[in-house]
Protein backbone atom coordinates (compact mmCIF):
# COMPACT_ATOMS: atom_id res chain seq x y z
CA MET A 1 -29.97 4.91 37.01
CA SER A 2 -32.01 3.58 34.10
CA TYR A 3 -32.74 4.70 30.56
CA SER A 4 -35.76 4.61 28.29
CA VAL A 5 -35.71 2.64 25.07
CA GLY A 6 -35.49 5.88 23.08
CA GLN A 7 -32.49 7.09 25.09
CA VAL A 8 -30.66 3.79 24.66
CA ALA A 9 -31.38 3.80 20.93
CA ARG A 10 -29.80 7.26 20.61
CA ILE A 11 -26.82 6.37 22.78
CA ALA A 12 -26.06 3.12 20.94
CA GLY A 13 -26.97 4.30 17.44
CA VAL A 14 -29.55 1.58 16.87
CA SER A 15 -33.26 1.70 16.20
CA VAL A 16 -35.98 1.28 18.82
CA ARG A 17 -37.26 -1.58 16.71
CA THR A 18 -33.91 -3.35 17.05
CA LEU A 19 -34.05 -3.06 20.84
CA HIS A 20 -37.58 -4.40 20.85
CA HIS A 21 -36.44 -7.35 18.72
CA TYR A 22 -33.53 -8.11 21.06
CA ASP A 23 -36.00 -8.12 23.95
CA GLU A 24 -38.45 -10.39 22.12
CA ILE A 25 -35.79 -13.04 21.41
CA GLY A 26 -34.35 -12.82 24.91
CA LEU A 27 -30.99 -11.43 23.81
CA LEU A 28 -31.32 -8.17 25.74
CA THR A 29 -34.16 -7.94 28.23
CA PRO A 30 -34.44 -4.62 30.07
CA GLY A 31 -33.69 -4.96 33.77
CA GLU A 32 -36.53 -2.69 34.83
CA ARG A 33 -40.02 -1.60 33.87
CA SER A 34 -41.64 1.74 34.62
CA ALA A 35 -44.88 1.96 36.56
CA ALA A 36 -46.65 2.18 33.23
CA GLY A 37 -44.89 -0.97 31.98
CA TYR A 38 -42.36 0.70 29.69
CA ARG A 39 -38.90 -0.76 29.24
CA ARG A 40 -36.10 0.74 31.34
CA TYR A 41 -32.48 -0.21 30.69
CA THR A 42 -29.97 -0.39 33.53
CA GLU A 43 -26.18 0.07 33.38
CA PRO A 44 -25.61 -3.73 33.12
CA ASP A 45 -28.11 -3.76 30.24
CA ILE A 46 -26.07 -1.07 28.46
CA ASP A 47 -22.89 -3.11 28.98
CA ARG A 48 -24.57 -6.18 27.49
CA LEU A 49 -25.83 -4.15 24.54
CA GLN A 50 -22.28 -2.96 23.87
CA ARG A 51 -21.09 -6.56 23.73
CA VAL A 52 -23.99 -7.53 21.48
CA LEU A 53 -23.19 -4.75 19.04
CA PHE A 54 -19.49 -5.56 19.10
CA TYR A 55 -20.06 -9.21 18.15
CA ARG A 56 -22.57 -8.15 15.51
CA GLU A 57 -19.94 -5.89 13.99
CA LEU A 58 -17.63 -8.89 13.75
CA GLY A 59 -20.28 -10.87 11.88
CA PHE A 60 -21.65 -13.09 14.64
CA SER A 61 -25.27 -14.16 14.30
CA LEU A 62 -27.73 -13.26 17.07
CA GLU A 63 -27.93 -16.93 18.04
CA GLU A 64 -24.13 -17.16 18.34
CA ILE A 65 -24.02 -13.97 20.39
CA ALA A 66 -26.62 -15.32 22.81
CA VAL A 67 -24.54 -18.45 23.37
CA VAL A 68 -21.35 -16.44 23.91
CA LEU A 69 -22.90 -13.91 26.30
CA ASP A 70 -24.86 -16.44 28.34
CA ASP A 71 -21.93 -18.75 28.96
CA PRO A 72 -21.83 -18.97 32.78
CA GLY A 73 -18.11 -19.59 32.76
CA VAL A 74 -17.26 -16.29 31.05
CA ASP A 75 -16.90 -13.12 33.11
CA PRO A 76 -16.77 -9.50 31.81
CA LEU A 77 -12.96 -9.45 31.78
CA THR A 78 -12.87 -12.60 29.69
CA HIS A 79 -15.28 -10.97 27.25
CA LEU A 80 -12.99 -7.97 26.97
CA ARG A 81 -9.97 -10.16 26.35
CA ARG A 82 -11.86 -12.10 23.70
CA GLN A 83 -13.02 -8.87 22.06
CA HIS A 84 -9.47 -7.54 22.07
CA GLU A 85 -8.17 -10.73 20.44
CA LEU A 86 -10.91 -10.67 17.81
CA LEU A 87 -10.25 -7.00 17.10
CA ARG A 88 -6.52 -7.59 16.68
CA GLY A 89 -7.28 -10.38 14.23
CA ARG A 90 -9.67 -8.20 12.28
CA ILE A 91 -7.21 -5.30 12.26
CA GLY A 92 -4.54 -7.64 10.87
CA ARG A 93 -6.86 -8.80 8.09
CA LEU A 94 -7.87 -5.23 7.29
CA GLU A 95 -4.23 -4.16 7.18
CA GLN A 96 -3.50 -6.95 4.71
CA MET A 97 -6.46 -5.88 2.61
CA ALA A 98 -5.35 -2.24 2.76
CA ALA A 99 -1.83 -3.23 1.69
CA ALA A 100 -3.23 -5.22 -1.24
CA VAL A 101 -5.38 -2.28 -2.33
CA GLN A 102 -2.40 0.07 -1.96
CA ARG A 103 -0.29 -2.18 -4.19
CA ALA A 104 -3.07 -2.22 -6.75
CA MET A 105 -3.29 1.58 -6.64
CA GLU A 106 0.48 1.88 -7.11
CA ALA A 107 0.47 -0.54 -10.00
CA THR A 108 -2.38 1.39 -11.62
CA ARG A 109 -0.56 4.70 -11.20
CA MET A 110 2.61 3.20 -12.65
CA GLY A 111 0.70 1.58 -15.48
CA VAL A 112 1.93 -1.90 -14.67
CA SER A 113 -1.14 -3.63 -16.11
CA LEU A 114 0.02 -7.17 -15.41
CA THR A 115 -1.36 -9.91 -13.20
CA PRO A 116 0.57 -10.59 -9.96
CA GLU A 117 1.98 -13.75 -11.53
CA GLU A 118 3.12 -11.86 -14.64
CA ARG A 119 4.69 -9.07 -12.56
CA PHE A 120 6.65 -11.62 -10.53
CA GLU A 121 7.65 -13.46 -13.71
CA VAL A 122 9.00 -10.26 -15.26
CA PHE A 123 10.35 -8.34 -12.26
CA GLY A 124 11.00 -11.02 -9.65
CA ASP A 125 11.31 -9.40 -6.23
CA PHE A 126 11.52 -5.91 -7.73
CA ASP A 127 8.27 -3.99 -7.37
CA PRO A 128 7.98 -1.32 -10.12
CA GLY A 129 5.31 0.46 -8.09
CA LYS A 130 7.34 0.57 -4.89
CA HIS A 131 8.19 4.26 -5.18
CA ALA A 132 5.08 5.26 -7.10
CA GLU A 133 3.74 7.64 -4.45
CA GLU A 134 7.11 9.36 -4.10
CA ALA A 135 7.47 9.58 -7.88
CA GLU A 136 4.04 11.14 -8.13
CA GLU A 137 4.85 13.57 -5.31
CA ARG A 138 8.17 14.57 -6.89
CA TRP A 139 7.21 14.65 -10.54
CA GLY A 140 3.42 14.26 -10.71
CA GLY A 141 1.94 16.77 -13.12
CA THR A 142 5.15 17.17 -15.11
CA ASP A 143 5.17 16.36 -18.80
CA ALA A 144 7.70 13.57 -18.26
CA TYR A 145 5.64 11.89 -15.55
CA GLU A 146 2.41 12.04 -17.54
CA GLN A 147 4.16 10.84 -20.68
CA SER A 148 5.63 7.88 -18.81
CA ARG A 149 2.28 7.02 -17.23
CA ARG A 150 0.52 7.05 -20.59
CA ARG A 151 3.17 4.94 -22.32
CA THR A 152 3.58 2.28 -19.66
CA ALA A 153 -0.19 1.87 -19.29
CA ARG A 154 -0.19 0.17 -22.70
CA TYR A 155 2.78 -2.13 -22.11
CA THR A 156 2.32 -5.88 -22.24
CA LYS A 157 4.33 -8.54 -20.45
CA ASP A 158 6.60 -8.83 -23.49
CA ASP A 159 7.14 -5.07 -23.49
CA TRP A 160 8.21 -5.13 -19.85
CA ARG A 161 10.53 -8.04 -20.56
CA ALA A 162 12.15 -5.97 -23.31
CA VAL A 163 12.47 -2.98 -20.95
CA LYS A 164 14.10 -5.14 -18.31
CA ALA A 165 16.48 -6.81 -20.75
CA GLU A 166 17.61 -3.51 -22.26
CA ALA A 167 18.11 -1.96 -18.82
CA ALA A 168 20.20 -4.97 -17.79
CA GLU A 169 22.41 -4.54 -20.85
CA VAL A 170 23.04 -0.89 -19.99
CA LEU A 171 23.81 -1.78 -16.37
CA GLU A 172 26.24 -4.50 -17.50
CA ALA A 173 28.00 -2.04 -19.81
CA PHE A 174 28.36 0.51 -16.99
CA ALA A 175 29.67 -2.17 -14.63
CA ALA A 176 32.21 -3.44 -17.17
CA ALA A 177 33.54 0.05 -17.92
CA PHE A 178 33.81 0.78 -14.19
CA ALA A 179 35.55 -2.52 -13.42
CA GLU A 180 38.06 -2.05 -16.23
CA GLY A 181 38.96 1.45 -15.09
CA ALA A 182 37.52 3.38 -17.99
CA PRO A 183 37.28 7.05 -16.94
CA ALA A 184 33.76 8.34 -16.30
CA ASP A 185 34.39 11.26 -18.64
CA GLY A 186 35.86 9.06 -21.36
CA ASP A 187 34.09 8.13 -24.57
CA ARG A 188 33.31 4.58 -23.45
CA ALA A 189 31.48 5.61 -20.27
CA MET A 190 29.80 8.58 -21.93
CA ASP A 191 28.54 6.33 -24.75
CA VAL A 192 26.94 4.04 -22.17
CA ALA A 193 25.39 7.07 -20.49
CA GLU A 194 23.91 8.06 -23.84
CA ARG A 195 22.50 4.53 -24.23
CA HIS A 196 20.97 4.93 -20.78
CA ARG A 197 19.34 8.22 -21.71
CA ALA A 198 18.06 6.74 -24.98
CA HIS A 199 16.61 3.77 -23.07
CA ILE A 200 14.57 6.11 -20.85
CA THR A 201 13.46 8.16 -23.85
CA ARG A 202 12.45 5.06 -25.82
CA TRP A 203 10.41 3.45 -23.08
CA PHE A 204 9.26 6.12 -20.65
CA TYR A 205 9.56 9.82 -21.50
CA ASP A 206 11.66 12.29 -23.46
CA CYS A 207 14.72 12.39 -21.24
CA THR A 208 16.57 15.65 -21.88
CA TYR A 209 20.17 16.03 -20.80
CA GLU A 210 19.09 18.21 -17.89
CA ILE A 211 16.61 15.59 -16.70
CA HIS A 212 19.28 12.93 -17.17
CA LYS A 213 21.71 14.89 -14.99
CA GLY A 214 19.02 15.14 -12.32
CA LEU A 215 18.59 11.38 -12.38
CA GLY A 216 22.32 10.92 -12.07
CA GLU A 217 22.34 13.06 -8.94
CA LEU A 218 19.42 11.07 -7.55
CA TYR A 219 21.35 7.81 -7.89
CA VAL A 220 23.96 9.21 -5.50
CA ALA A 221 21.76 11.30 -3.20
CA ASP A 222 19.10 8.67 -2.52
CA PRO A 223 20.39 5.16 -1.68
CA ARG A 224 17.08 3.64 -2.74
CA PHE A 225 17.52 4.85 -6.30
CA GLY A 226 21.20 3.98 -6.42
CA ALA A 227 20.80 0.54 -4.88
CA GLY A 228 20.64 -1.16 -8.29
CA TYR A 229 24.12 0.15 -9.09
CA GLU A 230 25.67 -0.22 -5.64
CA GLY A 231 24.41 -3.79 -5.50
CA VAL A 232 26.62 -4.56 -8.50
CA ALA A 233 29.71 -2.68 -7.38
CA GLU A 234 30.39 -0.21 -4.61
CA GLY A 235 30.87 3.26 -6.08
CA LEU A 236 29.11 2.43 -9.35
CA SER A 237 26.28 4.89 -8.71
CA GLY A 238 28.78 7.75 -8.46
CA TYR A 239 30.50 6.55 -11.62
CA VAL A 240 27.19 6.55 -13.48
CA ARG A 241 26.41 10.06 -12.19
CA ASP A 242 29.77 11.34 -13.40
CA ALA A 243 29.38 9.66 -16.81
CA VAL A 244 25.88 11.14 -17.20
CA HIS A 245 27.17 14.64 -16.41
CA ALA A 246 30.13 14.25 -18.76
CA ASN A 247 27.86 13.05 -21.55
CA ALA A 248 25.52 16.02 -21.04
CA ALA A 249 28.48 18.39 -21.23
CA ARG A 250 29.67 16.67 -24.40
CA HIS A 251 26.31 17.35 -26.06
CA ALA A 252 25.92 20.87 -24.73
């Protein structure tokens, strides 16, 4: 069975002019001619065209493709294996690019307008955009989320350093109270909880006592959000939750 140049152009999604050019340079010469002298492409011609278009997609020049396809020591199976290897390599590069773009999108949504070097300098291994999609899904559209997004979009490296330092002080105060056996519903722990709420309000959004209680529950319910506390001391996330609830009740 053979095909006309117009049929092959439609099947392969290329122009008739492209097929004519491939014929003229000897890259893809039709295996047959009609009685009137028109080009007719056979099944092997279609297979070769597929390989040509594949290598073109990967950025090979027409000259390079001709050398690859006309290598007498390469059979069709070898071509397929080579194509598979090249595709896997390209997929890997595209996945890396996609991940880089995703990180940029997350940073933009979170308002972390720092260079990669500055983000690493401030946050180390912690990625402030790591849970950005989940945060947007949970709270996107709320006043608190939008307020936080607007505020953090203006923060400089020094601002983020101040945020991190203040958060570390609050964490240290919670850990000390917990280690020394101060009750979660005692004044000491509740005062730290109030500092925690004020920290969020100062840097991110107006954290009401109800919102604060919700955050406290999240630290216990979702290990990812409580990891910062549990990494310091086992059970600290529950202690913080209880102190937050006690402080909210104190101010009710």
